[in-house]
N, C-alpha and C. Protein backbone atom coordinates (compact mmCIF):
# COMPACT_ATOMS: atom_id res chain seq x y z
N UNK A 1 7.13 -14.49 -4.51
CA UNK A 1 6.26 -14.50 -3.19
C UNK A 1 5.11 -12.83 -3.48
N UNK A 2 4.05 -12.85 -2.50
CA UNK A 2 3.23 -11.44 -2.47
C UNK A 2 3.20 -11.63 -1.30
N UNK A 3 3.44 -10.75 -0.67
CA UNK A 3 3.50 -10.55 1.11
C UNK A 3 2.63 -9.30 1.13
N UNK A 4 1.44 -9.36 2.16
CA UNK A 4 0.47 -8.18 2.05
C UNK A 4 0.84 -7.97 3.98
N UNK A 5 0.63 -6.49 3.33
CA UNK A 5 1.17 -5.95 5.16
C UNK A 5 -0.14 -4.74 5.74
N UNK A 6 -0.88 -5.81 6.43
CA UNK A 6 -2.14 -4.75 7.20
C UNK A 6 -1.27 -3.40 8.32
N UNK A 7 -2.18 -2.67 8.36
CA UNK A 7 -1.35 -1.87 9.06
C UNK A 7 -2.79 -1.01 10.11
N UNK A 8 -2.38 -0.46 11.39
CA UNK A 8 -3.61 0.09 12.14
C UNK A 8 -4.73 1.29 11.57
N UNK A 9 -4.49 1.31 9.88
CA UNK A 9 -5.37 2.46 9.57
C UNK A 9 -6.60 2.01 9.82
N UNK A 10 -7.78 3.42 9.93
CA UNK A 10 -9.15 2.80 10.20
C UNK A 10 -9.98 2.06 9.11
N UNK A 11 -10.65 0.74 9.91
CA UNK A 11 -10.77 0.11 9.29
C UNK A 11 -11.62 -0.01 8.03
N UNK A 12 -12.54 1.03 8.15
CA UNK A 12 -13.69 1.75 7.04
C UNK A 12 -13.47 1.99 5.87
N UNK A 13 -11.63 2.08 5.85
CA UNK A 13 -10.76 2.64 4.32
C UNK A 13 -10.27 1.33 3.84
N UNK A 14 -10.44 0.18 4.71
CA UNK A 14 -9.72 -1.70 4.39
C UNK A 14 -10.79 -2.31 3.35
N UNK A 15 -10.58 -2.75 2.49
CA UNK A 15 -11.56 -3.57 1.48
C UNK A 15 -11.65 -4.50 2.03
N UNK A 16 -12.69 -5.69 0.70
CA UNK A 16 -12.47 -7.05 1.87
C UNK A 16 -11.64 -7.64 1.34
N UNK A 17 -11.06 -8.46 2.36
CA UNK A 17 -9.09 -8.89 1.58
C UNK A 17 -9.96 -10.44 1.28
N UNK A 18 -11.02 -11.08 0.88
CA UNK A 18 -11.25 -12.50 0.11
C UNK A 18 -10.46 -12.06 -0.72
N UNK A 19 -10.03 -11.24 -2.41
CA UNK A 19 -9.90 -11.75 -3.20
C UNK A 19 -8.40 -11.67 -3.12
N UNK A 20 -7.82 -11.43 -1.76
CA UNK A 20 -5.94 -11.09 -1.71
C UNK A 20 -5.82 -12.38 -0.78
N UNK A 21 -6.18 -12.95 -0.18
CA UNK A 21 -6.47 -14.30 0.31
C UNK A 21 -5.79 -15.32 -0.15
N UNK A 22 -4.34 -14.97 -1.09
CA UNK A 22 -4.45 -16.02 -2.30
C UNK A 22 -3.56 -17.44 -2.02
N UNK A 23 -2.76 -18.89 -2.13
CA UNK A 23 -2.32 -19.64 -1.83
C UNK A 23 -0.56 -19.32 -1.69
N UNK A 24 -0.06 -17.88 -2.06
CA UNK A 24 1.50 -18.43 -2.71
C UNK A 24 1.39 -16.54 -1.57
N UNK A 25 0.47 -16.18 -0.89
CA UNK A 25 0.82 -14.45 -0.72
C UNK A 25 0.94 -15.35 0.84
N UNK A 26 1.50 -14.11 1.83
CA UNK A 26 1.56 -14.51 3.42
C UNK A 26 1.33 -13.02 3.62
N UNK A 27 0.91 -12.58 4.84
CA UNK A 27 0.40 -11.91 5.32
C UNK A 27 1.38 -11.47 6.71
N UNK A 28 1.79 -9.70 7.40
CA UNK A 28 2.34 -9.27 7.73
C UNK A 28 1.18 -8.69 8.53
N UNK A 29 1.06 -8.36 10.23
CA UNK A 29 0.52 -7.35 10.95
C UNK A 29 1.48 -6.42 11.35
N UNK A 30 0.94 -5.09 11.22
CA UNK A 30 1.78 -3.63 11.99
C UNK A 30 1.05 -3.43 13.15
N UNK A 31 1.38 -3.25 14.39
CA UNK A 31 0.88 -3.06 15.15
C UNK A 31 -0.42 -3.61 15.47
N UNK A 32 -1.85 -2.55 15.32
CA UNK A 32 -3.54 -3.34 16.03
C UNK A 32 -4.11 -3.80 14.51
N UNK A 33 -3.42 -3.82 12.90
CA UNK A 33 -2.97 -4.58 11.66
C UNK A 33 -2.75 -5.88 12.10
N UNK A 34 -2.56 -6.10 13.16
CA UNK A 34 -2.79 -8.25 13.32
C UNK A 34 -3.88 -8.19 14.16
N UNK A 35 -3.78 -7.12 14.56
CA UNK A 35 -4.92 -7.84 15.29
C UNK A 35 -6.25 -8.23 14.50
N UNK A 36 -6.73 -7.50 13.73
CA UNK A 36 -6.84 -7.26 12.13
C UNK A 36 -7.59 -8.43 11.58
N UNK A 37 -5.88 -8.91 11.48
CA UNK A 37 -6.08 -10.38 10.62
C UNK A 37 -5.94 -11.34 11.72
N UNK A 38 -5.64 -11.23 12.87
CA UNK A 38 -6.14 -11.85 13.75
C UNK A 38 -7.18 -12.57 14.08
N UNK A 39 -8.49 -11.49 14.24
CA UNK A 39 -9.89 -11.92 14.47
C UNK A 39 -10.59 -12.06 12.97
N UNK A 40 -9.87 -12.40 12.09
CA UNK A 40 -10.24 -13.12 10.52
C UNK A 40 -9.88 -14.52 10.19
N UNK A 41 -9.19 -14.55 11.12
CA UNK A 41 -8.31 -16.00 11.12
C UNK A 41 -7.74 -16.05 10.54
N UNK A 42 -6.78 -15.06 9.48
CA UNK A 42 -5.92 -14.67 8.74
C UNK A 42 -4.76 -15.24 9.41
N UNK A 43 -4.24 -15.89 8.84
CA UNK A 43 -2.47 -16.54 9.34
C UNK A 43 -1.52 -15.11 9.19
N UNK A 44 -0.73 -14.83 10.47
CA UNK A 44 -0.04 -13.99 10.69
C UNK A 44 1.57 -14.05 10.31
N UNK A 45 2.45 -14.30 8.98
CA UNK A 45 3.88 -14.74 9.18
C UNK A 45 4.66 -14.19 10.49
N UNK A 46 3.94 -12.84 10.46
CA UNK A 46 5.64 -12.21 11.15
C UNK A 46 4.34 -10.85 11.61
N UNK A 47 4.24 -10.26 12.93
CA UNK A 47 3.89 -8.87 13.59
C UNK A 47 5.13 -8.19 13.73
N UNK A 48 4.74 -6.58 13.74
CA UNK A 48 5.64 -5.55 13.94
C UNK A 48 5.48 -4.30 14.20
N UNK A 49 5.98 -4.05 15.23
CA UNK A 49 5.61 -2.44 15.57
C UNK A 49 6.10 -2.16 17.46
N UNK A 50 5.69 -1.15 17.76
CA UNK A 50 5.70 -1.01 19.36
C UNK A 50 4.50 -1.44 19.98
N UNK A 51 3.40 -1.84 19.44
CA UNK A 51 2.24 -2.20 19.62
C UNK A 51 1.02 -1.33 21.11
N UNK A 52 1.23 -0.23 21.13
CA UNK A 52 1.09 1.09 21.85
C UNK A 52 -0.71 1.09 21.94
N UNK A 53 -1.42 0.51 20.42
CA UNK A 53 -2.06 0.55 20.39
C UNK A 53 -3.07 -0.54 20.87
N UNK A 54 -2.69 -1.79 21.21
CA UNK A 54 -3.22 -2.90 21.89
C UNK A 54 -3.51 -2.85 23.26
N UNK A 55 -4.06 -3.29 23.84
CA UNK A 55 -3.71 -3.79 25.50
C UNK A 55 -3.38 -5.28 26.03
N UNK A 56 -2.86 -5.54 27.09
CA UNK A 56 -1.55 -6.53 27.14
C UNK A 56 -2.74 -7.68 26.82
N UNK A 57 -3.83 -8.17 26.36
CA UNK A 57 -4.49 -9.59 26.21
C UNK A 57 -4.41 -9.23 24.71
N UNK A 58 -4.86 -7.93 24.50
CA UNK A 58 -4.75 -8.44 23.21
C UNK A 58 -3.04 -8.29 22.42
N UNK A 59 -2.36 -7.76 22.80
CA UNK A 59 -0.93 -8.35 22.35
C UNK A 59 -0.27 -9.56 22.76
N UNK A 60 -0.90 -10.20 23.83
CA UNK A 60 -0.19 -11.33 24.22
C UNK A 60 -1.48 -12.92 23.12
N UNK A 61 -2.63 -11.90 22.63
CA UNK A 61 -2.67 -12.61 21.81
C UNK A 61 -2.57 -12.83 20.01
N UNK A 62 -2.13 -11.64 19.92
CA UNK A 62 -1.30 -11.86 18.64
C UNK A 62 0.21 -12.24 18.88
N UNK A 63 0.53 -12.54 20.46
CA UNK A 63 1.60 -13.13 19.97
C UNK A 63 2.06 -14.66 20.05
N UNK A 64 0.59 -14.79 20.37
CA UNK A 64 0.47 -16.05 20.47
C UNK A 64 -0.13 -16.72 18.62
N UNK A 65 -0.26 -15.93 18.20
CA UNK A 65 -1.17 -16.18 16.62
C UNK A 65 -0.04 -16.40 16.07
N UNK A 66 1.10 -15.23 16.09
CA UNK A 66 2.21 -14.91 15.02
C UNK A 66 3.19 -16.18 15.73
N UNK A 67 3.36 -16.43 13.84
CA UNK A 67 4.70 -17.06 13.58
C UNK A 67 5.96 -16.44 14.69
N UNK A 68 5.80 -14.75 13.70
CA UNK A 68 6.73 -13.97 14.62
C UNK A 68 6.59 -13.03 15.02
N UNK A 69 7.64 -12.41 16.38
CA UNK A 69 6.58 -10.82 16.53
C UNK A 69 7.83 -9.88 16.85
N UNK A 70 8.14 -9.00 16.30
CA UNK A 70 9.24 -8.39 16.36
C UNK A 70 8.88 -6.76 16.91
N UNK A 71 9.37 -6.87 18.55
CA UNK A 71 8.99 -5.50 19.21
C UNK A 71 10.26 -4.35 19.40
N UNK A 72 9.66 -3.15 18.55
CA UNK A 72 9.86 -1.79 18.21
C UNK A 72 10.15 -0.72 19.40
N UNK A 73 11.17 -0.52 19.71
CA UNK A 73 10.33 1.09 20.33
C UNK A 73 9.90 2.01 20.00
N UNK A 74 9.39 2.76 20.49
CA UNK A 74 7.70 3.98 20.28
C UNK A 74 9.04 4.71 19.33
N UNK A 75 10.32 4.93 19.73
CA UNK A 75 11.40 6.07 19.30
C UNK A 75 12.00 5.57 18.31
N UNK A 76 11.87 5.90 17.29
CA UNK A 76 13.51 5.49 16.22
C UNK A 76 13.19 6.19 15.28
N UNK A 77 14.30 5.40 13.96
CA UNK A 77 14.50 6.28 12.86
C UNK A 77 12.89 5.97 11.69
N UNK A 78 12.36 4.49 11.64
CA UNK A 78 11.69 4.70 10.64
C UNK A 78 10.11 3.85 11.30
N UNK A 79 9.35 4.16 10.04
CA UNK A 79 8.10 4.05 10.83
C UNK A 79 8.23 2.11 11.13
N UNK A 80 6.73 1.84 11.49
CA UNK A 80 6.66 0.74 11.66
C UNK A 80 6.65 0.10 10.42
N UNK A 81 6.00 0.32 9.89
CA UNK A 81 5.16 0.14 8.24
C UNK A 81 6.62 0.33 7.55
N UNK A 82 7.47 0.87 7.59
CA UNK A 82 8.88 0.97 6.84
C UNK A 82 9.37 -0.11 7.35
N UNK A 83 9.51 -0.93 8.54
CA UNK A 83 9.63 -1.98 8.92
C UNK A 83 10.08 -2.88 8.53
N UNK A 84 7.96 -3.53 8.75
CA UNK A 84 8.21 -4.11 7.68
C UNK A 84 8.11 -4.57 6.23
N UNK A 85 8.20 -3.46 5.66
CA UNK A 85 8.49 -3.53 4.32
C UNK A 85 9.87 -4.18 3.74
N UNK A 86 10.70 -3.77 4.84
CA UNK A 86 12.09 -4.08 4.39
C UNK A 86 12.50 -5.42 5.40
N UNK A 87 11.59 -6.53 6.00
CA UNK A 87 11.84 -7.14 6.46
C UNK A 87 10.70 -8.08 4.76
N UNK A 88 10.08 -7.72 4.81
CA UNK A 88 9.07 -8.62 3.88
C UNK A 88 10.30 -8.86 2.08
N UNK A 89 11.04 -7.11 2.20
CA UNK A 89 11.90 -7.88 1.40
C UNK A 89 13.02 -8.26 1.13
N UNK A 90 13.39 -8.06 2.37
CA UNK A 90 14.53 -9.15 2.92
C UNK A 90 14.49 -10.73 2.60
N UNK A 91 12.98 -10.94 2.82
CA UNK A 91 12.65 -12.71 2.02
C UNK A 91 12.27 -12.82 1.39
N UNK A 92 12.56 -12.21 0.28
CA UNK A 92 12.12 -12.47 -1.47
C UNK A 92 11.19 -11.88 -1.90
N UNK A 93 9.73 -10.95 -1.02
CA UNK A 93 8.94 -10.52 -1.49
C UNK A 93 8.87 -10.15 -3.23
N UNK A 94 8.22 -10.84 -3.79
CA UNK A 94 8.46 -9.84 -5.30
C UNK A 94 7.29 -8.31 -5.43
N UNK A 95 6.70 -8.86 -4.63
CA UNK A 95 5.14 -7.70 -4.10
C UNK A 95 4.59 -7.50 -3.38
N UNK A 96 4.58 -6.76 -2.67
CA UNK A 96 3.89 -6.40 -1.22
C UNK A 96 2.38 -5.19 -1.97
N UNK A 97 1.90 -5.53 -1.10
CA UNK A 97 0.69 -4.79 -0.94
C UNK A 97 0.39 -4.29 0.57
N UNK A 98 0.17 -3.09 0.84
CA UNK A 98 0.14 -1.88 1.91
C UNK A 98 -1.83 -2.45 1.90
N UNK A 99 -2.24 -2.79 3.35
CA UNK A 99 -3.16 -2.12 3.72
C UNK A 99 -3.34 -1.45 4.65
N UNK A 100 -5.00 -0.46 5.31
CA UNK A 100 -4.77 0.03 6.61
C UNK A 100 -3.55 1.23 7.09
N UNK A 101 -3.35 1.79 5.55
CA UNK A 101 -2.49 2.51 5.28
C UNK A 101 -2.77 3.79 5.00
N UNK A 102 -3.91 4.16 5.06
CA UNK A 102 -4.85 5.55 4.31
C UNK A 102 -5.77 5.66 5.43
N UNK A 103 -6.44 6.84 5.04
CA UNK A 103 -7.57 7.27 6.12
C UNK A 103 -7.30 7.38 7.16
N UNK A 104 -6.67 8.11 8.43
CA UNK A 104 -6.14 8.77 9.31
C UNK A 104 -5.63 9.56 9.58
N UNK A 105 -4.36 9.56 10.40
CA UNK A 105 -3.69 10.77 10.63
C UNK A 105 -2.77 11.33 9.01
N UNK A 106 -3.49 12.54 8.44
CA UNK A 106 -2.85 12.70 7.27
C UNK A 106 -1.24 12.49 6.69
N UNK A 107 -0.30 12.90 8.36
CA UNK A 107 1.45 12.19 8.23
C UNK A 107 1.66 11.24 8.17
N UNK A 108 0.85 10.39 8.78
CA UNK A 108 0.72 8.69 8.37
C UNK A 108 0.62 8.25 6.72
N UNK A 109 -0.29 8.72 6.61
CA UNK A 109 -0.91 8.28 4.90
C UNK A 109 0.16 8.49 4.76
N UNK A 110 0.66 10.29 4.40
CA UNK A 110 2.14 10.91 3.29
C UNK A 110 3.09 10.02 3.59
N UNK A 111 3.25 9.17 4.81
CA UNK A 111 4.43 8.38 5.10
C UNK A 111 5.03 7.17 4.32
N UNK A 112 3.54 6.35 4.29
CA UNK A 112 3.32 5.82 3.79
C UNK A 112 3.25 5.70 1.93
N UNK A 113 2.78 6.95 2.06
CA UNK A 113 3.83 6.97 0.08
C UNK A 113 4.74 7.19 -0.09
N UNK A 114 5.39 8.30 0.55
CA UNK A 114 6.39 7.60 0.53
C UNK A 114 7.57 6.88 0.79
N UNK A 115 6.85 5.64 0.91
CA UNK A 115 7.50 4.85 0.94
C UNK A 115 7.86 3.86 -0.38
N UNK A 116 6.25 4.02 -0.74
CA UNK A 116 6.40 3.59 -2.65
C UNK A 116 7.62 3.91 -3.21
N UNK A 117 7.47 5.69 -3.34
CA UNK A 117 8.98 6.55 -3.72
C UNK A 117 10.37 5.43 -3.38
N UNK A 118 10.67 5.39 -1.93
CA UNK A 118 11.49 5.07 -1.37
C UNK A 118 11.91 3.46 -2.05
N UNK A 119 11.13 2.82 -2.12
CA UNK A 119 10.90 1.08 -2.40
C UNK A 119 11.53 1.16 -4.08
N UNK A 120 10.77 2.07 -5.11
CA UNK A 120 10.95 2.33 -6.64
C UNK A 120 11.84 2.24 -7.12
N UNK A 121 12.70 3.46 -6.17
CA UNK A 121 14.04 4.01 -6.37
C UNK A 121 14.91 2.80 -5.86
N UNK A 122 14.94 2.32 -4.34
CA UNK A 122 15.85 1.38 -3.82
C UNK A 122 15.79 0.32 -4.50
N UNK A 123 14.12 -0.55 -4.32
CA UNK A 123 14.38 -1.94 -5.02
C UNK A 123 13.31 -1.96 -5.73
N UNK A 124 13.85 -1.64 -6.75
CA UNK A 124 12.95 -1.13 -8.52
C UNK A 124 12.07 -2.56 -8.47
N UNK A 125 12.99 -3.91 -8.13
CA UNK A 125 12.59 -5.51 -8.78
C UNK A 125 11.24 -5.49 -7.71
N UNK A 126 11.11 -4.45 -6.23
CA UNK A 126 9.79 -5.81 -5.74
C UNK A 126 8.71 -4.37 -5.80
N UNK A 127 7.48 -5.30 -6.37
CA UNK A 127 6.46 -4.16 -7.06
C UNK A 127 5.67 -3.58 -5.24
N UNK A 128 5.12 -2.31 -4.93
CA UNK A 128 4.57 -2.00 -3.96
C UNK A 128 3.88 -0.71 -4.36
N UNK A 129 2.52 -1.20 -3.55
CA UNK A 129 1.03 -0.74 -3.51
C UNK A 129 0.57 -0.68 -2.31
N UNK A 130 -0.38 0.34 -2.28
CA UNK A 130 -1.14 0.68 -0.88
C UNK A 130 -2.48 0.86 -1.81
N UNK A 131 -3.28 -0.16 -1.34
CA UNK A 131 -4.53 -0.58 -1.43
C UNK A 131 -6.00 -0.07 -0.18
N UNK A 132 -6.75 0.67 -1.10
CA UNK A 132 -8.15 0.82 0.15
C UNK A 132 -8.98 0.31 -0.36
N UNK A 133 -9.97 0.73 0.63
CA UNK A 133 -11.40 0.54 -0.48
C UNK A 133 -11.94 1.13 -1.56
N UNK A 134 -11.03 2.41 -1.53
CA UNK A 134 -11.30 2.97 -3.29
C UNK A 134 -10.10 2.94 -4.42
N UNK A 135 -9.20 2.82 -3.91
CA UNK A 135 -8.00 3.65 -4.39
C UNK A 135 -6.76 1.95 -4.44
N UNK A 136 -5.89 2.35 -5.31
CA UNK A 136 -4.71 1.13 -5.47
C UNK A 136 -3.62 2.64 -6.12
N UNK A 137 -3.02 2.69 -5.35
CA UNK A 137 -1.97 3.22 -5.85
C UNK A 137 -0.08 3.22 -5.70
N UNK A 138 0.22 3.32 -6.73
CA UNK A 138 1.41 2.94 -7.34
C UNK A 138 2.40 4.05 -7.24
N UNK A 139 3.93 3.83 -7.79
CA UNK A 139 4.84 4.72 -8.77
C UNK A 139 4.88 4.41 -9.31
N UNK A 140 5.91 4.86 -10.49
CA UNK A 140 6.10 4.15 -11.73
C UNK A 140 7.40 5.45 -12.38
N UNK A 141 8.41 5.13 -12.16
CA UNK A 141 9.61 5.78 -12.76
C UNK A 141 9.58 5.46 -14.46
N UNK A 142 10.41 6.44 -15.00
CA UNK A 142 10.66 6.85 -16.77
C UNK A 142 10.57 5.12 -17.52
N UNK A 143 9.08 4.92 -18.06
CA UNK A 143 9.09 3.53 -19.24
C UNK A 143 8.38 3.65 -20.01
N UNK A 144 7.41 2.33 -20.33
CA UNK A 144 6.25 1.99 -21.11
C UNK A 144 5.47 1.32 -20.01
N UNK A 145 4.40 1.16 -19.92
CA UNK A 145 3.57 0.24 -18.87
C UNK A 145 2.72 0.22 -19.54
N UNK A 146 1.89 -1.07 -19.26
CA UNK A 146 0.00 -1.37 -20.00
C UNK A 146 -0.74 -1.62 -18.22
N UNK A 147 -1.98 -0.98 -19.03
CA UNK A 147 -3.01 -0.89 -17.44
C UNK A 147 -4.41 -1.97 -18.22
N UNK A 148 -4.42 -2.99 -17.74
CA UNK A 148 -6.04 -3.67 -17.98
C UNK A 148 -6.77 -3.10 -17.53
N UNK A 149 -7.77 -2.71 -18.39
CA UNK A 149 -9.04 -1.93 -17.40
C UNK A 149 -9.96 -2.92 -16.47
N UNK A 150 -10.24 -2.28 -15.73
CA UNK A 150 -11.02 -2.98 -14.98
C UNK A 150 -12.50 -2.16 -14.28
N UNK A 151 -13.36 -2.57 -14.55
CA UNK A 151 -14.60 -2.29 -14.64
C UNK A 151 -14.87 -1.38 -13.22
N UNK A 152 -13.71 -2.39 -11.92
CA UNK A 152 -14.86 -1.86 -10.18
C UNK A 152 -13.60 -0.63 -10.37
N UNK A 153 -12.40 -0.39 -11.01
CA UNK A 153 -11.69 0.53 -10.82
C UNK A 153 -11.41 1.57 -12.20
N UNK A 154 -12.46 2.70 -12.68
CA UNK A 154 -12.80 2.83 -13.89
C UNK A 154 -11.43 4.33 -13.93
N UNK A 155 -11.43 4.78 -12.45
CA UNK A 155 -10.65 6.45 -13.13
C UNK A 155 -9.07 5.97 -12.98
N UNK A 156 -8.44 6.37 -13.53
CA UNK A 156 -6.96 6.48 -13.38
C UNK A 156 -6.62 7.91 -13.47
N UNK A 157 -5.96 8.49 -12.83
CA UNK A 157 -5.16 9.59 -12.33
C UNK A 157 -3.67 9.18 -12.23
N UNK A 158 -2.45 10.16 -13.33
CA UNK A 158 -1.43 10.75 -12.74
C UNK A 158 -1.18 11.64 -12.12
N UNK A 159 0.10 11.78 -11.73
CA UNK A 159 0.09 13.26 -10.61
C UNK A 159 2.08 12.62 -10.72
N UNK A 160 2.41 13.94 -11.17
CA UNK A 160 3.90 14.07 -11.05
C UNK A 160 4.19 13.79 -9.86
N UNK A 161 5.32 13.05 -9.25
CA UNK A 161 5.28 12.87 -7.67
C UNK A 161 7.74 13.65 -7.59
N UNK A 162 6.80 14.87 -7.00
CA UNK A 162 8.39 15.69 -6.59
C UNK A 162 9.44 15.91 -7.88
N UNK A 163 9.27 15.46 -9.06
CA UNK A 163 9.69 16.32 -9.76
C UNK A 163 9.12 16.57 -11.21
N UNK A 164 9.32 17.59 -12.19
CA UNK A 164 8.84 17.23 -13.45
C UNK A 164 8.61 15.93 -14.46
N UNK A 165 7.35 15.67 -15.54
CA UNK A 165 7.30 14.70 -15.97
C UNK A 165 7.96 15.24 -17.30
N UNK A 166 8.43 14.47 -18.21
CA UNK A 166 8.73 14.65 -18.98
C UNK A 166 8.53 13.41 -20.33
N UNK A 167 7.92 14.14 -21.59
CA UNK A 167 7.30 13.53 -22.56
C UNK A 167 6.20 11.79 -22.18
N UNK A 168 5.52 13.20 -21.68
CA UNK A 168 3.86 11.39 -21.26
C UNK A 168 3.33 11.72 -22.03
N UNK A 169 3.19 10.26 -22.86
CA UNK A 169 1.97 9.60 -23.69
C UNK A 169 1.02 8.77 -23.23
N UNK A 170 -0.03 8.76 -23.84
CA UNK A 170 -1.13 7.99 -23.05
C UNK A 170 -1.87 7.98 -23.87
N UNK A 171 -1.99 6.30 -24.29
CA UNK A 171 -2.42 5.86 -24.94
C UNK A 171 -4.09 4.34 -25.05
N UNK A 172 -4.98 4.42 -25.77
CA UNK A 172 -6.26 3.64 -25.18
C UNK A 172 -7.01 4.40 -24.04
N UNK A 173 -6.75 5.74 -23.35
CA UNK A 173 -7.40 6.36 -22.87
C UNK A 173 -8.35 7.36 -23.20
N UNK A 174 -9.61 7.98 -22.66
CA UNK A 174 -10.20 8.64 -22.91
C UNK A 174 -9.97 10.20 -23.25
N UNK A 175 -8.99 10.31 -22.40
CA UNK A 175 -8.10 11.62 -22.62
C UNK A 175 -7.02 11.51 -23.33
N UNK A 176 -6.63 11.03 -24.40
CA UNK A 176 -4.69 10.65 -24.49
C UNK A 176 -3.60 12.18 -24.65
N UNK A 177 -2.69 11.31 -24.54
CA UNK A 177 -1.72 12.35 -24.79
C UNK A 177 -0.69 12.05 -25.22
N UNK A 178 0.07 12.98 -26.16
CA UNK A 178 1.40 12.82 -27.07
C UNK A 178 2.87 13.44 -26.47
N UNK A 179 3.42 12.93 -25.85
CA UNK A 179 4.70 13.51 -25.26
C UNK A 179 4.65 15.22 -24.72
N UNK A 180 3.35 14.91 -23.75
CA UNK A 180 3.02 15.90 -22.75
C UNK A 180 4.20 16.02 -21.44
N UNK A 181 4.68 17.15 -21.44
CA UNK A 181 5.38 17.87 -20.12
C UNK A 181 4.16 17.59 -19.12
N UNK A 182 4.86 17.62 -17.79
CA UNK A 182 4.06 17.80 -16.93
C UNK A 182 4.52 18.64 -15.72
N UNK A 183 4.48 19.89 -15.12
CA UNK A 183 5.13 20.43 -13.85
C UNK A 183 4.70 19.30 -12.85
N UNK A 184 5.31 19.88 -12.29
CA UNK A 184 5.52 18.96 -10.66
C UNK A 184 3.68 19.16 -10.21
N UNK A 185 3.33 20.44 -9.82
CA UNK A 185 1.98 20.91 -9.30
C UNK A 185 0.87 20.30 -10.33
N UNK A 186 1.26 19.73 -11.51
CA UNK A 186 0.00 19.74 -12.45
C UNK A 186 -0.74 18.44 -11.91
N UNK A 187 -2.42 18.94 -12.10
CA UNK A 187 -3.52 18.08 -12.21
C UNK A 187 -3.90 18.07 -13.21
N UNK A 188 -3.34 17.97 -14.35
CA UNK A 188 -3.84 17.53 -15.59
C UNK A 188 -4.67 16.50 -15.78
N UNK A 189 -3.88 15.29 -15.46
CA UNK A 189 -4.37 14.13 -15.45
C UNK A 189 -5.01 13.31 -14.53
N UNK A 190 -5.81 14.02 -13.96
CA UNK A 190 -6.74 13.25 -13.09
C UNK A 190 -8.14 12.43 -13.41
N UNK A 191 -8.45 11.92 -13.21
CA UNK A 191 -9.60 11.33 -13.77
C UNK A 191 -9.96 10.51 -15.04
N UNK A 192 -8.89 9.74 -15.05
CA UNK A 192 -8.68 9.68 -16.76
C UNK A 192 -9.15 7.94 -17.32
N UNK A 193 -9.94 7.53 -17.69
CA UNK A 193 -10.50 6.25 -17.91
C UNK A 193 -9.74 5.49 -19.31
N UNK A 194 -9.44 4.28 -19.34
CA UNK A 194 -9.52 3.50 -20.42
C UNK A 194 -10.92 2.85 -20.89
N UNK A 195 -10.74 3.31 -22.21
CA UNK A 195 -11.47 3.23 -23.25
C UNK A 195 -11.28 1.63 -24.35
N UNK A 196 -10.30 1.30 -24.06
CA UNK A 196 -10.03 -0.36 -25.04
C UNK A 196 -9.56 -1.52 -24.16
N UNK A 197 -9.16 -2.33 -23.97
CA UNK A 197 -9.24 -3.15 -23.03
C UNK A 197 -7.82 -3.50 -22.52
N UNK A 198 -6.54 -2.35 -23.38
CA UNK A 198 -5.62 -2.22 -21.79
C UNK A 198 -5.17 -0.44 -22.63
N UNK A 199 -4.63 -0.10 -21.66
CA UNK A 199 -4.30 1.74 -21.72
C UNK A 199 -2.69 1.39 -21.97
N UNK A 200 -1.82 2.33 -22.25
CA UNK A 200 -0.73 2.36 -22.19
C UNK A 200 -0.15 3.39 -21.54
N UNK A 201 0.79 3.78 -20.75
CA UNK A 201 1.45 5.27 -20.50
C UNK A 201 3.59 5.33 -20.28
N UNK A 202 4.20 5.56 -21.04
CA UNK A 202 4.32 6.21 -21.15
C UNK A 202 5.48 7.80 -20.66
N UNK A 203 6.44 7.39 -20.23
CA UNK A 203 7.27 9.29 -20.33
C UNK A 203 8.90 8.86 -20.08
N UNK A 204 9.81 9.69 -20.70
CA UNK A 204 10.78 10.06 -20.87
C UNK A 204 11.47 9.99 -19.62
N UNK A 205 11.28 11.09 -18.68
CA UNK A 205 11.65 11.35 -17.21
C UNK A 205 10.30 11.39 -16.25
N UNK A 206 11.06 11.63 -14.76
CA UNK A 206 10.29 11.77 -13.93
C UNK A 206 9.55 10.77 -12.81
N UNK A 207 9.03 10.80 -11.98
CA UNK A 207 8.14 9.84 -11.64
C UNK A 207 6.56 9.91 -11.48
N UNK A 208 6.58 8.95 -11.35
CA UNK A 208 5.01 9.12 -11.81
C UNK A 208 3.71 8.33 -10.43
N UNK A 209 3.32 9.31 -9.72
CA UNK A 209 2.23 8.42 -9.19
C UNK A 209 0.81 8.10 -9.97
N UNK A 210 0.74 6.75 -9.86
CA UNK A 210 -0.56 6.22 -10.44
C UNK A 210 -1.60 6.19 -9.79
N UNK A 211 -3.05 6.33 -9.77
CA UNK A 211 -4.40 5.81 -8.76
C UNK A 211 -5.12 5.29 -9.64
N UNK A 212 -5.29 4.23 -9.48
CA UNK A 212 -6.88 3.31 -9.63
C UNK A 212 -7.54 3.68 -8.93
N UNK A 213 -9.28 4.36 -8.70
CA UNK A 213 -9.83 4.15 -8.15
C UNK A 213 -11.08 4.31 -9.15
N UNK A 214 -12.25 4.19 -7.87
CA UNK A 214 -13.69 4.48 -7.95
C UNK A 214 -14.42 5.10 -7.11
N UNK A 215 -15.74 5.50 -7.78
CA UNK A 215 -16.29 6.49 -6.61
C UNK A 215 -16.76 5.77 -5.40
């Protein structure tokens, strides 16, 4: 099952949702993100948050429109997004997409990036990714991966995330690498491009942030 989570980030950074409204996907609204879904007539499986970004009328509308609403106090140890992802995993989600997760306050954006790291280590069976108007962001642990070339997202960047990378190999890319080590501060692998039908990347140890993007 795919669960899409809409947060309350700036709407200018949210892509068209048409291709993400699949028959086997469900939607969760986080705070004002629930209102965004409701206004587009997208069914809401559950809504999460303290809802301090909506007025009383909008909150009543969200309560009526959502199948389930979970209200939390503003003072808590987890972000609303984290609580929503935890709930999605508990419901058996195999893939989780986060929308409205970038473009506003930098601390909110970084907290959402931290969630990618959290779940790739704690729940590796679930693929979690952040999607906005120009980017798709995932986190990868050591191993071998294949990426399909996408004209809509021509650029692929790799960043060490929190630790150095050992033995990075890139094949099928404009700028290939063979068994390269990257320090944690490296920007070597920004704006690469897949030049074959598929590009593959592999590495021996570390954690990589993988960003697919377009201008």
